[in-house]
N, C-alpha and C. Protein backbone atom coordinates (compact mmCIF):
# COMPACT_ATOMS: atom_id res chain seq x y z
N MET A 1 0.82 -1.22 0.01
CA MET A 1 0.02 -0.03 0.03
C MET A 1 0.87 1.25 -0.01
N ALA A 2 2.04 1.16 0.54
CA ALA A 2 2.90 2.32 0.59
C ALA A 2 3.24 2.81 -0.79
N THR A 3 3.41 1.93 -1.77
CA THR A 3 3.69 2.32 -3.10
C THR A 3 2.55 3.09 -3.74
N HIS A 4 1.31 2.69 -3.45
CA HIS A 4 0.16 3.41 -3.93
C HIS A 4 0.11 4.84 -3.42
N ASP A 5 0.42 4.98 -2.11
CA ASP A 5 0.44 6.33 -1.52
C ASP A 5 1.46 7.25 -2.27
N LYS A 6 2.62 6.73 -2.48
CA LYS A 6 3.63 7.51 -3.14
C LYS A 6 3.20 7.83 -4.58
N THR A 7 2.60 6.90 -5.26
CA THR A 7 2.16 7.13 -6.63
C THR A 7 1.02 8.15 -6.70
N GLU A 8 0.11 8.04 -5.72
CA GLU A 8 -1.01 8.99 -5.74
C GLU A 8 -0.46 10.37 -5.39
N THR A 9 0.53 10.46 -4.49
CA THR A 9 1.06 11.74 -4.14
C THR A 9 1.74 12.40 -5.32
N SER A 10 2.45 11.55 -6.09
CA SER A 10 3.19 12.17 -7.24
C SER A 10 2.20 12.53 -8.30
N HIS A 11 1.10 11.81 -8.42
CA HIS A 11 0.09 12.17 -9.45
C HIS A 11 -0.62 13.43 -9.01
N ALA A 12 -0.90 13.51 -7.70
CA ALA A 12 -1.67 14.60 -7.17
C ALA A 12 -0.85 15.90 -7.38
N SER A 13 0.42 15.85 -7.14
CA SER A 13 1.24 17.11 -7.30
C SER A 13 1.36 17.40 -8.74
N ALA A 14 1.41 16.48 -9.63
CA ALA A 14 1.42 16.76 -11.08
C ALA A 14 0.11 17.32 -11.61
N SER A 15 -1.02 16.83 -11.01
CA SER A 15 -2.30 17.37 -11.49
C SER A 15 -2.56 18.76 -11.03
N THR A 16 -2.00 19.17 -9.91
CA THR A 16 -2.23 20.55 -9.42
C THR A 16 -1.63 21.56 -10.28
N ASP A 17 -0.57 21.13 -11.09
CA ASP A 17 0.08 22.09 -12.04
C ASP A 17 -0.73 22.39 -13.21
N ALA A 18 -1.63 21.45 -13.53
CA ALA A 18 -2.47 21.62 -14.79
C ALA A 18 -3.71 22.43 -14.47
N PRO A 19 -4.07 23.33 -15.43
CA PRO A 19 -5.21 24.20 -15.18
C PRO A 19 -6.58 23.56 -15.48
N ALA A 20 -6.57 22.32 -16.04
CA ALA A 20 -7.85 21.66 -16.45
C ALA A 20 -8.81 21.47 -15.27
N LYS A 21 -10.11 21.64 -15.54
CA LYS A 21 -11.06 21.45 -14.47
C LYS A 21 -11.77 20.05 -14.63
N ALA A 22 -11.55 19.18 -13.72
CA ALA A 22 -12.28 17.91 -13.63
C ALA A 22 -12.26 17.14 -14.98
N GLY A 23 -11.19 17.13 -15.66
CA GLY A 23 -11.06 16.41 -16.92
C GLY A 23 -11.59 17.08 -18.11
N ARG A 24 -12.13 18.30 -17.95
CA ARG A 24 -12.63 19.09 -19.10
C ARG A 24 -11.53 20.00 -19.61
N VAL A 25 -11.52 20.13 -20.93
CA VAL A 25 -10.54 21.00 -21.55
C VAL A 25 -11.23 22.21 -22.10
N SER A 26 -10.81 23.37 -21.72
CA SER A 26 -11.44 24.59 -22.25
C SER A 26 -11.01 24.86 -23.70
N ARG A 27 -11.75 25.73 -24.32
CA ARG A 27 -11.43 26.02 -25.77
C ARG A 27 -10.01 26.58 -25.90
N GLU A 28 -9.57 27.33 -24.90
CA GLU A 28 -8.20 27.94 -24.94
C GLU A 28 -7.14 26.81 -24.81
N ASP A 29 -7.44 25.68 -24.15
CA ASP A 29 -6.50 24.64 -23.94
C ASP A 29 -6.45 23.72 -25.12
N ALA A 30 -7.52 23.69 -25.92
CA ALA A 30 -7.57 22.80 -27.11
C ALA A 30 -8.02 23.57 -28.31
N PRO A 31 -7.24 24.54 -28.78
CA PRO A 31 -7.62 25.33 -29.92
C PRO A 31 -7.77 24.59 -31.24
N ASP A 32 -7.15 23.39 -31.31
CA ASP A 32 -7.17 22.66 -32.54
C ASP A 32 -8.32 21.68 -32.69
N GLU A 33 -9.18 21.65 -31.66
CA GLU A 33 -10.31 20.79 -31.64
C GLU A 33 -11.28 21.23 -32.70
N PRO A 34 -11.60 20.32 -33.67
CA PRO A 34 -12.51 20.74 -34.78
C PRO A 34 -13.90 21.10 -34.32
N ARG A 35 -14.54 22.10 -34.95
CA ARG A 35 -15.85 22.51 -34.65
C ARG A 35 -16.69 22.30 -35.87
N PHE A 36 -17.93 21.85 -35.73
CA PHE A 36 -18.76 21.53 -36.80
C PHE A 36 -20.01 22.39 -36.82
N SER A 37 -20.40 22.89 -37.94
CA SER A 37 -21.58 23.76 -38.06
C SER A 37 -22.82 23.02 -37.82
N ARG A 38 -23.80 23.71 -37.38
CA ARG A 38 -25.16 23.13 -37.15
C ARG A 38 -25.64 22.44 -38.48
N GLU A 39 -25.47 23.10 -39.60
CA GLU A 39 -25.95 22.56 -40.89
C GLU A 39 -25.23 21.22 -41.21
N ARG A 40 -23.94 21.16 -40.96
CA ARG A 40 -23.17 19.90 -41.26
C ARG A 40 -23.60 18.82 -40.32
N LEU A 41 -23.84 19.16 -39.08
CA LEU A 41 -24.28 18.13 -38.10
C LEU A 41 -25.69 17.63 -38.40
N LEU A 42 -26.54 18.50 -38.98
CA LEU A 42 -27.87 18.06 -39.34
C LEU A 42 -27.98 17.31 -40.64
N SER A 43 -26.90 17.29 -41.37
CA SER A 43 -26.87 16.55 -42.65
C SER A 43 -26.60 15.10 -42.34
N ARG A 44 -26.59 14.25 -43.29
CA ARG A 44 -26.31 12.82 -43.08
C ARG A 44 -24.85 12.65 -42.62
N GLU A 45 -24.03 13.60 -42.96
CA GLU A 45 -22.63 13.50 -42.45
C GLU A 45 -22.50 13.64 -40.97
N GLY A 46 -23.51 14.23 -40.32
CA GLY A 46 -23.52 14.38 -38.88
C GLY A 46 -23.61 13.08 -38.15
N GLU A 47 -24.12 12.06 -38.79
CA GLU A 47 -24.15 10.70 -38.21
C GLU A 47 -22.75 10.15 -38.07
N GLN A 48 -21.90 10.42 -39.04
CA GLN A 48 -20.53 10.00 -39.00
C GLN A 48 -19.71 10.76 -38.01
N ILE A 49 -20.00 12.04 -37.87
CA ILE A 49 -19.28 12.92 -36.99
C ILE A 49 -19.57 12.58 -35.58
N ALA A 50 -20.87 12.49 -35.20
CA ALA A 50 -21.30 12.34 -33.80
C ALA A 50 -21.56 10.86 -33.38
N GLY A 51 -21.78 10.04 -34.35
CA GLY A 51 -22.13 8.65 -34.00
C GLY A 51 -23.55 8.37 -33.61
N TYR A 52 -24.45 9.33 -33.97
CA TYR A 52 -25.90 9.29 -33.71
C TYR A 52 -26.64 9.55 -34.97
N PRO A 53 -27.86 8.97 -35.08
CA PRO A 53 -28.67 9.29 -36.25
C PRO A 53 -29.00 10.80 -36.34
N HIS A 54 -29.22 11.30 -37.54
CA HIS A 54 -29.41 12.78 -37.72
C HIS A 54 -30.70 13.18 -36.92
N THR A 55 -31.64 12.25 -36.73
CA THR A 55 -32.83 12.64 -36.02
C THR A 55 -32.53 12.94 -34.57
N VAL A 56 -31.59 12.17 -33.98
CA VAL A 56 -31.19 12.36 -32.53
C VAL A 56 -30.39 13.71 -32.47
N ILE A 57 -29.55 13.97 -33.46
CA ILE A 57 -28.79 15.19 -33.53
C ILE A 57 -29.69 16.39 -33.54
N ALA A 58 -30.78 16.29 -34.38
CA ALA A 58 -31.77 17.41 -34.57
C ALA A 58 -32.39 17.65 -33.23
N GLY A 59 -32.81 16.61 -32.52
CA GLY A 59 -33.46 16.84 -31.23
C GLY A 59 -32.46 17.44 -30.18
N ALA A 60 -31.22 16.99 -30.30
CA ALA A 60 -30.16 17.44 -29.35
C ALA A 60 -29.85 18.92 -29.59
N LEU A 61 -29.90 19.39 -30.81
CA LEU A 61 -29.64 20.74 -31.19
C LEU A 61 -30.80 21.68 -31.02
N HIS A 62 -32.03 21.15 -30.89
CA HIS A 62 -33.18 22.00 -30.78
C HIS A 62 -33.03 22.92 -29.56
N GLY A 63 -33.17 24.13 -29.79
CA GLY A 63 -33.02 25.09 -28.72
C GLY A 63 -31.62 25.55 -28.32
N ALA A 64 -30.60 24.95 -28.97
CA ALA A 64 -29.21 25.34 -28.70
C ALA A 64 -28.95 26.69 -29.37
N ASP A 65 -28.21 27.52 -28.65
CA ASP A 65 -27.91 28.89 -29.16
C ASP A 65 -26.75 28.96 -30.06
N ALA A 66 -25.76 28.07 -29.89
CA ALA A 66 -24.56 28.09 -30.67
C ALA A 66 -24.78 27.58 -32.08
N ASP A 67 -23.88 28.04 -33.01
CA ASP A 67 -23.94 27.57 -34.42
C ASP A 67 -22.87 26.58 -34.73
N GLU A 68 -21.89 26.35 -33.88
CA GLU A 68 -20.83 25.38 -34.05
C GLU A 68 -20.62 24.59 -32.78
N PHE A 69 -20.27 23.33 -32.94
CA PHE A 69 -20.11 22.44 -31.77
C PHE A 69 -18.89 21.55 -32.03
N THR A 70 -18.22 21.14 -30.92
CA THR A 70 -17.15 20.15 -31.03
C THR A 70 -17.88 18.77 -31.01
N ARG A 71 -17.11 17.75 -31.38
CA ARG A 71 -17.64 16.37 -31.37
C ARG A 71 -18.10 16.04 -29.94
N GLU A 72 -17.33 16.45 -28.98
CA GLU A 72 -17.65 16.15 -27.57
C GLU A 72 -18.93 16.85 -27.17
N GLU A 73 -19.10 18.07 -27.57
CA GLU A 73 -20.29 18.84 -27.23
C GLU A 73 -21.53 18.25 -27.80
N ILE A 74 -21.49 17.86 -29.10
CA ILE A 74 -22.64 17.27 -29.70
C ILE A 74 -23.02 15.93 -29.15
N GLN A 75 -21.98 15.18 -28.80
CA GLN A 75 -22.22 13.82 -28.21
C GLN A 75 -22.86 14.01 -26.83
N ALA A 76 -22.45 14.98 -26.05
CA ALA A 76 -23.04 15.20 -24.75
C ALA A 76 -24.43 15.68 -24.85
N LYS A 77 -24.74 16.53 -25.86
CA LYS A 77 -26.14 16.99 -26.13
C LYS A 77 -26.98 15.82 -26.59
N ALA A 78 -26.45 14.93 -27.38
CA ALA A 78 -27.22 13.79 -27.85
C ALA A 78 -27.55 12.88 -26.68
N GLU A 79 -26.62 12.60 -25.83
CA GLU A 79 -26.84 11.73 -24.64
C GLU A 79 -27.89 12.37 -23.74
N ALA A 80 -27.82 13.70 -23.52
CA ALA A 80 -28.83 14.39 -22.66
C ALA A 80 -30.21 14.29 -23.32
N PHE A 81 -30.23 14.45 -24.66
CA PHE A 81 -31.54 14.37 -25.37
C PHE A 81 -32.12 12.98 -25.26
N LEU A 82 -31.31 11.98 -25.35
CA LEU A 82 -31.83 10.59 -25.27
C LEU A 82 -32.29 10.24 -23.84
N LYS A 83 -31.77 10.95 -22.86
CA LYS A 83 -32.20 10.68 -21.48
C LYS A 83 -33.40 11.52 -21.02
N ARG A 84 -33.83 12.46 -21.84
CA ARG A 84 -35.00 13.24 -21.48
C ARG A 84 -36.23 12.36 -21.47
N PRO A 85 -37.16 12.66 -20.57
CA PRO A 85 -38.42 11.87 -20.57
C PRO A 85 -39.27 12.25 -21.81
N VAL A 86 -40.02 11.28 -22.27
CA VAL A 86 -40.87 11.50 -23.40
C VAL A 86 -42.17 12.07 -22.91
N GLU A 87 -42.65 13.13 -23.48
CA GLU A 87 -43.92 13.74 -23.12
C GLU A 87 -44.98 13.11 -24.03
N GLU A 88 -46.04 12.67 -23.39
CA GLU A 88 -47.13 12.03 -24.14
C GLU A 88 -48.17 13.13 -24.54
N ALA A 89 -48.66 13.05 -25.80
CA ALA A 89 -49.61 14.04 -26.16
C ALA A 89 -51.03 13.77 -25.71
């Protein structure tokens, strides 16, 4: 167990030097991350980009204010959309 404590301590000190918040990378930290337009994501190509059918992407983007999204952003929006409760008419 003593080796784990040393390892954790060394990782903890290394992680405090990094400005990232809880595993998230800000736009400033990852300027090369590609961004995709709403139109491109809503096309059939969006399925290849995000890994979800274009109908799910359309639902995920409904009400979103931005015009461009990273792959991670659209995937998170798609997951949230799929977890929303279905309203019955």
